[in-house]
Amino acid sequence: AAGLDVRRGGKVATAKALEADLSTEQIKVLNTWADFIEEHRLLVVVGHAPALVISATSESIADQASKIMDDAHRLIDGVVPLVDGRDPGPVTAFMIDYERHRDNLQIDLVAKLIEHGDLDERSLDTMREDPASLMMRGLPGFIQFTWDMAGDASAGDDEFRVANEVANKYTQCLVTTRLGPTPDTLRWGLGFVAEMALFKSVYMFNATGFVSSGDHFDWHTRTRQYLEKRRSAWSFGDDMLDEEVAGTAEGSQMITWGGLEYLRAEHPDRLATLLGDLGEAQRNASKWSTVFRVPFEEVDALIDKAFDGIEKKKVLTYLKEARG
């Protein structure tokens, strides 16, 4: 990959010239993909995050994706520890615009991922039958189309914002590579923390088709309303472990987001401890599993510990003030 052109800060240099600014893991990814990048005339962009953009888009879109991952990284880096024994690679975003999609670039890309052992053969059939953006948290990386495949935003079908998706997917990939598998609702909650903090909206959902326009906004008020209805029980455990609502705009997922956002802003040390403890518990329960294996009771106790001594009204006040 030494001769590859790489964009950084809006300027272009060879990978060799930028070697001192690249991590060993980034260089490994570039070496792995060098032939594919040259064959398909792709852009490579690196920023300050442990990430790479390999892009069949305009320079401006590729640069924007890199910047968003940098912004998301600055937001969550300090609260997502690295569990001992894990060796995270850089998050790789494969960006594809409409014209290159029509040329079936994604088919060649998925075939290459299968060759690398990152996907199985069924993925190729799925991509042929129903092309869609794809998140591979364990890779770590994602294939990101840059237009709305489900509708026309210019006609009012505002169901898609690529910037939000990049921030959320980067966050989920980073969390998984540092901690291993985590409860789905909690992992999505951290993705929503990044989206809401950076854009004041949520557009990345674990769903296809129409999402109510109201679900994209005003999470601070709606979460506060959900919490205010709780006159007795004051615990985040049941919500953070309600995986049936993971990636949705339902009450438990919003409450999970609100709790994580409160800890990030007001008690980052507690959030880092909670996430580190969850990662350690998963490693002890099943070191190589790709599924979260820690018993409910153990996770619930760790969540209660993170919020020990915090009054509900403090969370409610934070959500009100953060909304502005």
C-alpha atoms as a PDB file:
ATOM      1  CA  ALA A   1       0.000   0.000   0.000  1.00  0.00           C
ATOM      2  CA  ALA A   2       3.028   2.325   0.130  1.00  0.00           C
ATOM      3  CA  GLY A   3       2.144   3.993  -3.166  1.00  0.00           C
ATOM      4  CA  LEU A   4      -1.562   4.510  -2.467  1.00  0.00           C
ATOM      5  CA  ASP A   5      -2.840   8.070  -2.416  1.00  0.00           C
ATOM      6  CA  VAL A   6      -4.354   8.877   0.974  1.00  0.00           C
ATOM      7  CA  ARG A   7      -6.349  11.993   1.895  1.00  0.00           C
ATOM      8  CA  ARG A   8      -5.782  13.560   5.295  1.00  0.00           C
ATOM      9  CA  GLY A   9      -6.976  16.998   6.306  1.00  0.00           C
ATOM     10  CA  GLY A  10      -8.068  17.761   2.753  1.00  0.00           C
ATOM     11  CA  LYS A  11      -4.600  17.068   1.341  1.00  0.00           C
ATOM     12  CA  VAL A  12      -3.249  14.046  -0.532  1.00  0.00           C
ATOM     13  CA  ALA A  13      -0.016  12.149   0.065  1.00  0.00           C
ATOM     14  CA  THR A  14       1.156   8.583  -0.413  1.00  0.00           C
ATOM     15  CA  ALA A  15       0.624   6.069   2.370  1.00  0.00           C
ATOM     16  CA  LYS A  16       4.397   5.835   2.637  1.00  0.00           C
ATOM     17  CA  ALA A  17       4.696   9.578   3.246  1.00  0.00           C
ATOM     18  CA  LEU A  18       1.999   9.355   5.929  1.00  0.00           C
ATOM     19  CA  GLU A  19       3.397   6.220   7.542  1.00  0.00           C
ATOM     20  CA  ALA A  20       4.327   8.013  10.758  1.00  0.00           C
ATOM     21  CA  ASP A  21       0.716   9.204  11.132  1.00  0.00           C
ATOM     22  CA  LEU A  22      -0.824   5.775  10.537  1.00  0.00           C
ATOM     23  CA  SER A  23      -1.224   3.042  13.106  1.00  0.00           C
ATOM     24  CA  THR A  24       0.089  -0.462  12.497  1.00  0.00           C
ATOM     25  CA  GLU A  25      -3.518  -1.634  12.258  1.00  0.00           C
ATOM     26  CA  GLN A  26      -4.391   1.004   9.649  1.00  0.00           C
ATOM     27  CA  ILE A  27      -1.383  -0.013   7.561  1.00  0.00           C
ATOM     28  CA  LYS A  28      -2.483  -3.664   7.741  1.00  0.00           C
ATOM     29  CA  VAL A  29      -5.927  -2.742   6.410  1.00  0.00           C
ATOM     30  CA  LEU A  30      -4.437  -0.673   3.602  1.00  0.00           C
ATOM     31  CA  ASN A  31      -2.117  -3.520   2.623  1.00  0.00           C
ATOM     32  CA  THR A  32      -5.057  -5.935   2.617  1.00  0.00           C
ATOM     33  CA  TRP A  33      -7.210  -3.709   0.411  1.00  0.00           C
ATOM     34  CA  ALA A  34      -4.536  -2.045  -1.748  1.00  0.00           C
ATOM     35  CA  ASP A  35      -5.215  -4.068  -4.917  1.00  0.00           C
ATOM     36  CA  PHE A  36      -8.985  -3.663  -4.558  1.00  0.00           C
ATOM     37  CA  ILE A  37      -8.629   0.096  -4.004  1.00  0.00           C
ATOM     38  CA  GLU A  38      -6.485   0.522  -7.114  1.00  0.00           C
ATOM     39  CA  GLU A  39      -8.624  -1.776  -9.277  1.00  0.00           C
ATOM     40  CA  HIS A  40     -11.835   0.090  -8.440  1.00  0.00           C
ATOM     41  CA  ARG A  41     -10.285   3.586  -8.254  1.00  0.00           C
ATOM     42  CA  LEU A  42     -11.375   4.226  -4.676  1.00  0.00           C
ATOM     43  CA  LEU A  43     -10.562   7.113  -2.355  1.00  0.00           C
ATOM     44  CA  VAL A  44      -8.844   6.540   0.974  1.00  0.00           C
ATOM     45  CA  VAL A  45      -9.275   9.062   3.792  1.00  0.00           C
ATOM     46  CA  VAL A  46      -7.782   8.952   7.274  1.00  0.00           C
ATOM     47  CA  GLY A  47      -8.421  11.279  10.177  1.00  0.00           C
ATOM     48  CA  HIS A  48      -7.466  11.187  13.842  1.00  0.00           C
ATOM     49  CA  ALA A  49      -9.770   8.355  14.922  1.00  0.00           C
ATOM     50  CA  PRO A  50      -8.708   4.685  14.649  1.00  0.00           C
ATOM     51  CA  ALA A  51     -10.611   4.495  11.375  1.00  0.00           C
ATOM     52  CA  LEU A  52     -10.361   4.451   7.589  1.00  0.00           C
ATOM     53  CA  VAL A  53     -12.721   5.582   4.850  1.00  0.00           C
ATOM     54  CA  ILE A  54     -12.488   3.572   1.629  1.00  0.00           C
ATOM     55  CA  SER A  55     -14.832   5.398  -0.661  1.00  0.00           C
ATOM     56  CA  ALA A  56     -16.491   5.344  -4.073  1.00  0.00           C
ATOM     57  CA  THR A  57     -17.945   8.807  -3.550  1.00  0.00           C
ATOM     58  CA  SER A  58     -16.923  12.426  -3.974  1.00  0.00           C
ATOM     59  CA  GLU A  59     -13.991  13.756  -1.971  1.00  0.00           C
ATOM     60  CA  SER A  60     -16.337  15.954   0.063  1.00  0.00           C
ATOM     61  CA  ILE A  61     -18.524  13.020   1.177  1.00  0.00           C
ATOM     62  CA  ALA A  62     -15.482  10.878   2.028  1.00  0.00           C
ATOM     63  CA  ASP A  63     -13.906  13.748   3.976  1.00  0.00           C
ATOM     64  CA  GLN A  64     -17.189  14.335   5.825  1.00  0.00           C
ATOM     65  CA  ALA A  65     -17.422  10.679   6.845  1.00  0.00           C
ATOM     66  CA  SER A  66     -13.872  10.763   8.213  1.00  0.00           C
ATOM     67  CA  LYS A  67     -14.583  13.941  10.165  1.00  0.00           C
ATOM     68  CA  ILE A  68     -17.771  12.476  11.653  1.00  0.00           C
ATOM     69  CA  MET A  69     -15.875   9.425  12.880  1.00  0.00           C
ATOM     70  CA  ASP A  70     -13.264  11.748  14.388  1.00  0.00           C
ATOM     71  CA  ASP A  71     -16.027  13.692  16.162  1.00  0.00           C
ATOM     72  CA  ALA A  72     -17.713  10.519  17.445  1.00  0.00           C
ATOM     73  CA  HIS A  73     -14.367   9.192  18.634  1.00  0.00           C
ATOM     74  CA  ARG A  74     -13.610  12.329  20.642  1.00  0.00           C
ATOM     75  CA  LEU A  75     -17.034  12.038  22.214  1.00  0.00           C
ATOM     76  CA  ILE A  76     -16.800   8.441  23.461  1.00  0.00           C
ATOM     77  CA  ASP A  77     -13.106   7.506  23.489  1.00  0.00           C
ATOM     78  CA  GLY A  78     -12.650   8.311  27.164  1.00  0.00           C
ATOM     79  CA  VAL A  79     -15.661   6.290  28.338  1.00  0.00           C
ATOM     80  CA  VAL A  80     -15.159   3.089  26.333  1.00  0.00           C
ATOM     81  CA  PRO A  81     -12.142   1.238  27.769  1.00  0.00           C
ATOM     82  CA  LEU A  82     -10.232  -1.540  26.051  1.00  0.00           C
ATOM     83  CA  VAL A  83     -10.733  -4.910  27.727  1.00  0.00           C
ATOM     84  CA  ASP A  84      -7.493  -6.813  28.309  1.00  0.00           C
ATOM     85  CA  GLY A  85      -6.724  -9.310  25.578  1.00  0.00           C
ATOM     86  CA  ARG A  86      -8.726  -7.603  22.840  1.00  0.00           C
ATOM     87  CA  ASP A  87      -6.922  -6.376  19.728  1.00  0.00           C
ATOM     88  CA  PRO A  88      -9.216  -3.910  17.958  1.00  0.00           C
ATOM     89  CA  GLY A  89      -8.548  -2.975  14.375  1.00  0.00           C
ATOM     90  CA  PRO A  90      -9.534   0.370  12.856  1.00  0.00           C
ATOM     91  CA  VAL A  91     -13.179   0.864  11.939  1.00  0.00           C
ATOM     92  CA  THR A  92     -13.373   0.794   8.147  1.00  0.00           C
ATOM     93  CA  ALA A  93     -16.201   2.639   6.399  1.00  0.00           C
ATOM     94  CA  PHE A  94     -16.823   1.540   2.814  1.00  0.00           C
ATOM     95  CA  MET A  95     -18.796   4.396   1.212  1.00  0.00           C
ATOM     96  CA  ILE A  96     -20.696   3.845  -2.050  1.00  0.00           C
ATOM     97  CA  ASP A  97     -22.675   6.441  -4.026  1.00  0.00           C
ATOM     98  CA  TYR A  98     -25.565   5.780  -6.393  1.00  0.00           C
ATOM     99  CA  GLU A  99     -23.543   5.611  -9.600  1.00  0.00           C
ATOM    100  CA  ARG A 100     -21.086   3.063  -8.230  1.00  0.00           C
ATOM    101  CA  HIS A 101     -23.990   1.100  -6.747  1.00  0.00           C
ATOM    102  CA  ARG A 102     -25.442   0.830 -10.262  1.00  0.00           C
ATOM    103  CA  ASP A 103     -22.071  -0.584 -11.345  1.00  0.00           C
ATOM    104  CA  ASN A 104     -22.504  -3.268  -8.634  1.00  0.00           C
ATOM    105  CA  LEU A 105     -19.405  -2.253  -6.711  1.00  0.00           C
ATOM    106  CA  GLN A 106     -21.034  -3.590  -3.521  1.00  0.00           C
ATOM    107  CA  ILE A 107     -21.139  -7.087  -5.039  1.00  0.00           C
ATOM    108  CA  ASP A 108     -17.378  -7.061  -5.622  1.00  0.00           C
ATOM    109  CA  LEU A 109     -16.875  -5.611  -2.142  1.00  0.00           C
ATOM    110  CA  VAL A 110     -18.935  -8.293  -0.404  1.00  0.00           C
ATOM    111  CA  ALA A 111     -17.144 -10.985  -2.427  1.00  0.00           C
ATOM    112  CA  LYS A 112     -13.832  -9.590  -1.165  1.00  0.00           C
ATOM    113  CA  LEU A 113     -15.098  -9.598   2.427  1.00  0.00           C
ATOM    114  CA  ILE A 114     -16.118 -13.245   1.989  1.00  0.00           C
ATOM    115  CA  GLU A 115     -12.648 -14.008   0.648  1.00  0.00           C
ATOM    116  CA  HIS A 116     -11.174 -12.375   3.762  1.00  0.00           C
ATOM    117  CA  GLY A 117     -13.428 -14.458   5.997  1.00  0.00           C
ATOM    118  CA  ASP A 118     -15.361 -11.442   7.279  1.00  0.00           C
ATOM    119  CA  LEU A 119     -18.716 -12.536   5.798  1.00  0.00           C
ATOM    120  CA  ASP A 120     -20.223 -15.857   4.753  1.00  0.00           C
ATOM    121  CA  GLU A 121     -21.399 -16.881   1.287  1.00  0.00           C
ATOM    122  CA  ARG A 122     -25.047 -16.110   2.024  1.00  0.00           C
ATOM    123  CA  SER A 123     -24.171 -12.420   2.290  1.00  0.00           C
ATOM    124  CA  LEU A 124     -23.495 -12.253  -1.441  1.00  0.00           C
ATOM    125  CA  ASP A 125     -26.947 -13.594  -2.333  1.00  0.00           C
ATOM    126  CA  THR A 126     -28.551 -11.214   0.136  1.00  0.00           C
ATOM    127  CA  MET A 127     -26.739  -8.206  -1.312  1.00  0.00           C
ATOM    128  CA  ARG A 128     -27.729  -9.213  -4.845  1.00  0.00           C
ATOM    129  CA  GLU A 129     -31.394  -9.654  -3.939  1.00  0.00           C
ATOM    130  CA  ASP A 130     -31.835  -6.652  -1.680  1.00  0.00           C
ATOM    131  CA  PRO A 131     -28.911  -4.203  -1.563  1.00  0.00           C
ATOM    132  CA  ALA A 132     -28.666  -2.351   1.724  1.00  0.00           C
ATOM    133  CA  SER A 133     -26.155  -0.693   3.971  1.00  0.00           C
ATOM    134  CA  LEU A 134     -24.445  -3.277   6.145  1.00  0.00           C
ATOM    135  CA  MET A 135     -22.858  -2.987   9.594  1.00  0.00           C
ATOM    136  CA  MET A 136     -20.205  -5.529  10.587  1.00  0.00           C
ATOM    137  CA  ARG A 137     -19.316  -4.707  14.173  1.00  0.00           C
ATOM    138  CA  GLY A 138     -16.838  -7.525  14.521  1.00  0.00           C
ATOM    139  CA  LEU A 139     -14.905  -6.637  11.353  1.00  0.00           C
ATOM    140  CA  PRO A 140     -15.017  -3.783  12.465  1.00  0.00           C
ATOM    141  CA  GLY A 141     -16.639  -1.766   9.703  1.00  0.00           C
ATOM    142  CA  PHE A 142     -19.665  -1.026   7.578  1.00  0.00           C
ATOM    143  CA  ILE A 143     -20.786  -0.631   3.986  1.00  0.00           C
ATOM    144  CA  GLN A 144     -22.579   2.716   3.732  1.00  0.00           C
ATOM    145  CA  PHE A 145     -24.697   3.805   0.788  1.00  0.00           C
ATOM    146  CA  THR A 146     -24.899   7.586   0.575  1.00  0.00           C
ATOM    147  CA  TRP A 147     -28.485   8.028  -0.625  1.00  0.00           C
ATOM    148  CA  ASP A 148     -31.887   6.994   0.683  1.00  0.00           C
ATOM    149  CA  MET A 149     -32.755   3.635  -0.838  1.00  0.00           C
ATOM    150  CA  ALA A 150     -36.172   3.657   0.832  1.00  0.00           C
ATOM    151  CA  GLY A 151     -37.434   7.017  -0.406  1.00  0.00           C
ATOM    152  CA  ASP A 152     -36.742  10.433  -1.857  1.00  0.00           C
ATOM    153  CA  ALA A 153     -35.758  12.933   0.814  1.00  0.00           C
ATOM    154  CA  SER A 154     -36.253  15.811  -1.636  1.00  0.00           C
ATOM    155  CA  ALA A 155     -39.915  14.778  -1.905  1.00  0.00           C
ATOM    156  CA  GLY A 156     -40.403  14.872   1.864  1.00  0.00           C
ATOM    157  CA  ASP A 157     -39.461  11.295   2.713  1.00  0.00           C
ATOM    158  CA  ASP A 158     -36.904  12.437   5.256  1.00  0.00           C
ATOM    159  CA  GLU A 159     -35.945   9.005   6.591  1.00  0.00           C
ATOM    160  CA  PHE A 160     -32.209   9.081   5.978  1.00  0.00           C
ATOM    161  CA  ARG A 161     -29.205  11.140   6.995  1.00  0.00           C
ATOM    162  CA  VAL A 162     -25.879   9.605   6.148  1.00  0.00           C
ATOM    163  CA  ALA A 163     -24.001  11.656   8.757  1.00  0.00           C
ATOM    164  CA  ASN A 164     -26.131  10.202  11.564  1.00  0.00           C
ATOM    165  CA  GLU A 165     -25.645   6.673  10.286  1.00  0.00           C
ATOM    166  CA  VAL A 166     -21.862   7.061  10.116  1.00  0.00           C
ATOM    167  CA  ALA A 167     -21.684   8.394  13.695  1.00  0.00           C
ATOM    168  CA  ASN A 168     -23.894   5.632  15.089  1.00  0.00           C
ATOM    169  CA  LYS A 169     -22.227   2.788  13.196  1.00  0.00           C
ATOM    170  CA  TYR A 170     -18.727   3.988  14.045  1.00  0.00           C
ATOM    171  CA  THR A 171     -19.682   4.093  17.730  1.00  0.00           C
ATOM    172  CA  GLN A 172     -21.213   0.610  17.749  1.00  0.00           C
ATOM    173  CA  CYS A 173     -18.196  -0.842  15.929  1.00  0.00           C
ATOM    174  CA  LEU A 174     -15.731   0.806  18.333  1.00  0.00           C
ATOM    175  CA  VAL A 175     -17.701  -0.366  21.382  1.00  0.00           C
ATOM    176  CA  THR A 176     -17.774  -3.957  20.138  1.00  0.00           C
ATOM    177  CA  THR A 177     -14.099  -4.124  19.248  1.00  0.00           C
ATOM    178  CA  ARG A 178     -13.028  -2.701  22.610  1.00  0.00           C
ATOM    179  CA  LEU A 179     -15.490  -4.507  24.881  1.00  0.00           C
ATOM    180  CA  GLY A 180     -16.689  -7.522  22.933  1.00  0.00           C
ATOM    181  CA  PRO A 181     -20.423  -8.267  22.733  1.00  0.00           C
ATOM    182  CA  THR A 182     -22.621  -6.068  24.921  1.00  0.00           C
ATOM    183  CA  PRO A 183     -26.387  -5.944  25.550  1.00  0.00           C
ATOM    184  CA  ASP A 184     -28.022  -4.797  22.305  1.00  0.00           C
ATOM    185  CA  THR A 185     -30.040  -2.006  23.898  1.00  0.00           C
ATOM    186  CA  LEU A 186     -26.961  -0.609  25.619  1.00  0.00           C
ATOM    187  CA  ARG A 187     -24.805  -0.771  22.463  1.00  0.00           C
ATOM    188  CA  TRP A 188     -27.489   0.982  20.415  1.00  0.00           C
ATOM    189  CA  GLY A 189     -27.893   3.460  23.255  1.00  0.00           C
ATOM    190  CA  LEU A 190     -24.252   4.479  22.920  1.00  0.00           C
ATOM    191  CA  GLY A 191     -24.744   4.875  19.179  1.00  0.00           C
ATOM    192  CA  PHE A 192     -27.681   7.180  19.905  1.00  0.00           C
ATOM    193  CA  VAL A 193     -25.510   9.102  22.391  1.00  0.00           C
ATOM    194  CA  ALA A 194     -23.165   9.921  19.511  1.00  0.00           C
ATOM    195  CA  GLU A 195     -25.969  10.837  17.105  1.00  0.00           C
ATOM    196  CA  MET A 196     -27.816  13.066  19.534  1.00  0.00           C
ATOM    197  CA  ALA A 197     -24.721  14.806  20.840  1.00  0.00           C
ATOM    198  CA  LEU A 198     -23.425  15.559  17.343  1.00  0.00           C
ATOM    199  CA  PHE A 199     -26.663  16.254  15.435  1.00  0.00           C
ATOM    200  CA  LYS A 200     -29.526  16.728  17.960  1.00  0.00           C
ATOM    201  CA  SER A 201     -31.416  13.994  16.108  1.00  0.00           C
ATOM    202  CA  VAL A 202     -31.594  10.213  15.669  1.00  0.00           C
ATOM    203  CA  TYR A 203     -31.825   8.645  12.213  1.00  0.00           C
ATOM    204  CA  MET A 204     -30.091   5.277  12.563  1.00  0.00           C
ATOM    205  CA  PHE A 205     -32.695   2.688  13.548  1.00  0.00           C
ATOM    206  CA  ASN A 206     -32.758  -1.098  13.613  1.00  0.00           C
ATOM    207  CA  ALA A 207     -35.654  -1.053  11.175  1.00  0.00           C
ATOM    208  CA  THR A 208     -36.597  -0.849   7.527  1.00  0.00           C
ATOM    209  CA  GLY A 209     -39.318   1.225   5.939  1.00  0.00           C
ATOM    210  CA  PHE A 210     -41.139   4.201   7.432  1.00  0.00           C
ATOM    211  CA  VAL A 211     -40.168   5.633  10.808  1.00  0.00           C
ATOM    212  CA  SER A 212     -42.431   8.241  12.348  1.00  0.00           C
ATOM    213  CA  SER A 213     -40.939  11.684  11.777  1.00  0.00           C
ATOM    214  CA  GLY A 214     -41.442  12.489  15.447  1.00  0.00           C
ATOM    215  CA  ASP A 215     -39.136   9.641  16.438  1.00  0.00           C
ATOM    216  CA  HIS A 216     -36.126  11.492  15.069  1.00  0.00           C
ATOM    217  CA  PHE A 217     -36.294  14.409  17.492  1.00  0.00           C
ATOM    218  CA  ASP A 218     -36.996  15.603  21.037  1.00  0.00           C
ATOM    219  CA  TRP A 219     -35.627  12.556  22.816  1.00  0.00           C
ATOM    220  CA  HIS A 220     -34.725  14.689  25.842  1.00  0.00           C
ATOM    221  CA  THR A 221     -38.362  15.607  26.498  1.00  0.00           C
ATOM    222  CA  ARG A 222     -39.808  12.196  25.678  1.00  0.00           C
ATOM    223  CA  THR A 223     -37.274  10.369  27.851  1.00  0.00           C
ATOM    224  CA  ARG A 224     -37.957  12.755  30.718  1.00  0.00           C
ATOM    225  CA  GLN A 225     -41.678  12.024  30.373  1.00  0.00           C
ATOM    226  CA  TYR A 226     -41.060   8.274  30.485  1.00  0.00           C
ATOM    227  CA  LEU A 227     -38.980   8.645  33.639  1.00  0.00           C
ATOM    228  CA  GLU A 228     -41.432  10.992  35.349  1.00  0.00           C
ATOM    229  CA  LYS A 229     -44.136   8.320  35.134  1.00  0.00           C
ATOM    230  CA  ARG A 230     -42.058   6.094  37.382  1.00  0.00           C
ATOM    231  CA  ARG A 231     -43.273   7.025  40.829  1.00  0.00           C
ATOM    232  CA  SER A 232     -41.588   4.187  42.693  1.00  0.00           C
ATOM    233  CA  ALA A 233     -39.027   1.972  40.971  1.00  0.00           C
ATOM    234  CA  TRP A 234     -35.823   3.828  40.061  1.00  0.00           C
ATOM    235  CA  SER A 235     -33.557   1.479  38.136  1.00  0.00           C
ATOM    236  CA  PHE A 236     -32.135   1.465  34.620  1.00  0.00           C
ATOM    237  CA  GLY A 237     -31.443  -2.269  34.612  1.00  0.00           C
ATOM    238  CA  ASP A 238     -34.722  -3.501  33.163  1.00  0.00           C
ATOM    239  CA  ASP A 239     -34.578  -0.906  30.385  1.00  0.00           C
ATOM    240  CA  MET A 240     -30.959  -1.450  29.428  1.00  0.00           C
ATOM    241  CA  LEU A 241     -31.589  -5.174  29.156  1.00  0.00           C
ATOM    242  CA  ASP A 242     -34.862  -4.955  27.215  1.00  0.00           C
ATOM    243  CA  GLU A 243     -33.341  -6.169  23.952  1.00  0.00           C
ATOM    244  CA  GLU A 244     -36.690  -6.405  22.176  1.00  0.00           C
ATOM    245  CA  VAL A 245     -36.622  -2.617  21.726  1.00  0.00           C
ATOM    246  CA  ALA A 246     -32.950  -2.332  20.745  1.00  0.00           C
ATOM    247  CA  GLY A 247     -32.425   0.203  17.990  1.00  0.00           C
ATOM    248  CA  THR A 248     -35.943   1.651  18.152  1.00  0.00           C
ATOM    249  CA  ALA A 249     -37.561   4.833  19.464  1.00  0.00           C
ATOM    250  CA  GLU A 250     -39.419   2.898  22.176  1.00  0.00           C
ATOM    251  CA  GLY A 251     -39.467   3.847  25.845  1.00  0.00           C
ATOM    252  CA  SER A 252     -36.826   1.471  27.215  1.00  0.00           C
ATOM    253  CA  GLN A 253     -34.364   2.333  24.444  1.00  0.00           C
ATOM    254  CA  MET A 254     -34.875   6.054  25.002  1.00  0.00           C
ATOM    255  CA  ILE A 255     -34.425   5.612  28.752  1.00  0.00           C
ATOM    256  CA  THR A 256     -31.232   3.652  28.101  1.00  0.00           C
ATOM    257  CA  TRP A 257     -29.959   6.474  25.905  1.00  0.00           C
ATOM    258  CA  GLY A 258     -30.881   9.044  28.577  1.00  0.00           C
ATOM    259  CA  GLY A 259     -29.088   7.162  31.344  1.00  0.00           C
ATOM    260  CA  LEU A 260     -25.949   6.650  29.275  1.00  0.00           C
ATOM    261  CA  GLU A 261     -25.955  10.271  28.111  1.00  0.00           C
ATOM    262  CA  TYR A 262     -26.326  11.498  31.695  1.00  0.00           C
ATOM    263  CA  LEU A 263     -23.369   9.380  32.832  1.00  0.00           C
ATOM    264  CA  ARG A 264     -21.259  10.477  29.849  1.00  0.00           C
ATOM    265  CA  ALA A 265     -21.841  14.143  30.606  1.00  0.00           C
ATOM    266  CA  GLU A 266     -21.925  14.151  34.402  1.00  0.00           C
ATOM    267  CA  HIS A 267     -20.087  11.004  35.574  1.00  0.00           C
ATOM    268  CA  PRO A 268     -17.819   9.728  32.759  1.00  0.00           C
ATOM    269  CA  ASP A 269     -15.766   7.720  35.249  1.00  0.00           C
ATOM    270  CA  ARG A 270     -18.865   5.743  36.233  1.00  0.00           C
ATOM    271  CA  LEU A 271     -19.742   5.064  32.606  1.00  0.00           C
ATOM    272  CA  ALA A 272     -16.209   3.892  31.841  1.00  0.00           C
ATOM    273  CA  THR A 273     -16.299   1.595  34.877  1.00  0.00           C
ATOM    274  CA  LEU A 274     -19.685   0.165  33.882  1.00  0.00           C
ATOM    275  CA  LEU A 275     -18.582  -0.560  30.315  1.00  0.00           C
ATOM    276  CA  GLY A 276     -15.248  -1.977  31.435  1.00  0.00           C
ATOM    277  CA  ASP A 277     -16.964  -4.237  33.980  1.00  0.00           C
ATOM    278  CA  LEU A 278     -19.401  -5.466  31.307  1.00  0.00           C
ATOM    279  CA  GLY A 279     -16.513  -6.258  28.980  1.00  0.00           C
ATOM    280  CA  GLU A 280     -14.653  -8.135  31.699  1.00  0.00           C
ATOM    281  CA  ALA A 281     -17.783 -10.060  32.674  1.00  0.00           C
ATOM    282  CA  GLN A 282     -18.347 -11.095  29.060  1.00  0.00           C
ATOM    283  CA  ARG A 283     -14.728 -12.224  28.711  1.00  0.00           C
ATOM    284  CA  ASN A 284     -15.041 -14.315  31.874  1.00  0.00           C
ATOM    285  CA  ALA A 285     -18.382 -15.791  30.802  1.00  0.00           C
ATOM    286  CA  SER A 286     -17.349 -16.725  27.266  1.00  0.00           C
ATOM    287  CA  LYS A 287     -14.114 -15.334  25.891  1.00  0.00           C
ATOM    288  CA  TRP A 288     -14.710 -16.091  22.203  1.00  0.00           C
ATOM    289  CA  SER A 289     -18.482 -15.856  21.940  1.00  0.00           C
ATOM    290  CA  THR A 290     -19.977 -13.305  19.541  1.00  0.00           C
ATOM    291  CA  VAL A 291     -23.134 -13.255  21.702  1.00  0.00           C
ATOM    292  CA  PHE A 292     -23.454 -11.536  25.094  1.00  0.00           C
ATOM    293  CA  ARG A 293     -23.443 -14.322  27.688  1.00  0.00           C
ATOM    294  CA  VAL A 294     -23.462 -12.573  31.080  1.00  0.00           C
ATOM    295  CA  PRO A 295     -26.470 -13.455  33.297  1.00  0.00           C
ATOM    296  CA  PHE A 296     -29.166 -10.801  33.702  1.00  0.00           C
ATOM    297  CA  GLU A 297     -28.713 -10.546  37.455  1.00  0.00           C
ATOM    298  CA  GLU A 298     -24.990  -9.809  37.150  1.00  0.00           C
ATOM    299  CA  VAL A 299     -25.513  -7.105  34.538  1.00  0.00           C
ATOM    300  CA  ASP A 300     -28.389  -5.575  36.505  1.00  0.00           C
ATOM    301  CA  ALA A 301     -26.127  -5.300  39.559  1.00  0.00           C
ATOM    302  CA  LEU A 302     -23.412  -3.539  37.533  1.00  0.00           C
ATOM    303  CA  ILE A 303     -25.944  -1.047  36.157  1.00  0.00           C
ATOM    304  CA  ASP A 304     -27.351  -0.366  39.639  1.00  0.00           C
ATOM    305  CA  LYS A 305     -23.803   0.249  40.860  1.00  0.00           C
ATOM    306  CA  ALA A 306     -23.210   2.811  38.126  1.00  0.00           C
ATOM    307  CA  PHE A 307     -26.284   4.802  39.214  1.00  0.00           C
ATOM    308  CA  ASP A 308     -25.874   4.247  42.951  1.00  0.00           C
ATOM    309  CA  GLY A 309     -26.683   7.417  44.882  1.00  0.00           C
ATOM    310  CA  ILE A 310     -27.914   9.316  41.826  1.00  0.00           C
ATOM    311  CA  GLU A 311     -31.384  10.742  42.366  1.00  0.00           C
ATOM    312  CA  LYS A 312     -33.919  10.567  39.578  1.00  0.00           C
ATOM    313  CA  LYS A 313     -34.437  14.338  39.665  1.00  0.00           C
ATOM    314  CA  LYS A 314     -30.784  14.884  38.732  1.00  0.00           C
ATOM    315  CA  VAL A 315     -31.228  12.906  35.532  1.00  0.00           C
ATOM    316  CA  LEU A 316     -34.495  14.715  34.803  1.00  0.00           C
ATOM    317  CA  THR A 317     -32.841  18.097  35.359  1.00  0.00           C
ATOM    318  CA  TYR A 318     -29.954  17.201  33.101  1.00  0.00           C
ATOM    319  CA  LEU A 319     -32.288  16.107  30.282  1.00  0.00           C
ATOM    320  CA  LYS A 320     -34.261  19.346  30.599  1.00  0.00           C
ATOM    321  CA  GLU A 321     -31.198  21.589  30.598  1.00  0.00           C
ATOM    322  CA  ALA A 322     -29.417  19.652  27.843  1.00  0.00           C
ATOM    323  CA  ARG A 323     -32.419  20.070  25.565  1.00  0.00           C
ATOM    324  CA  GLY A 324     -31.997  23.837  25.836  1.00  0.00           C
END
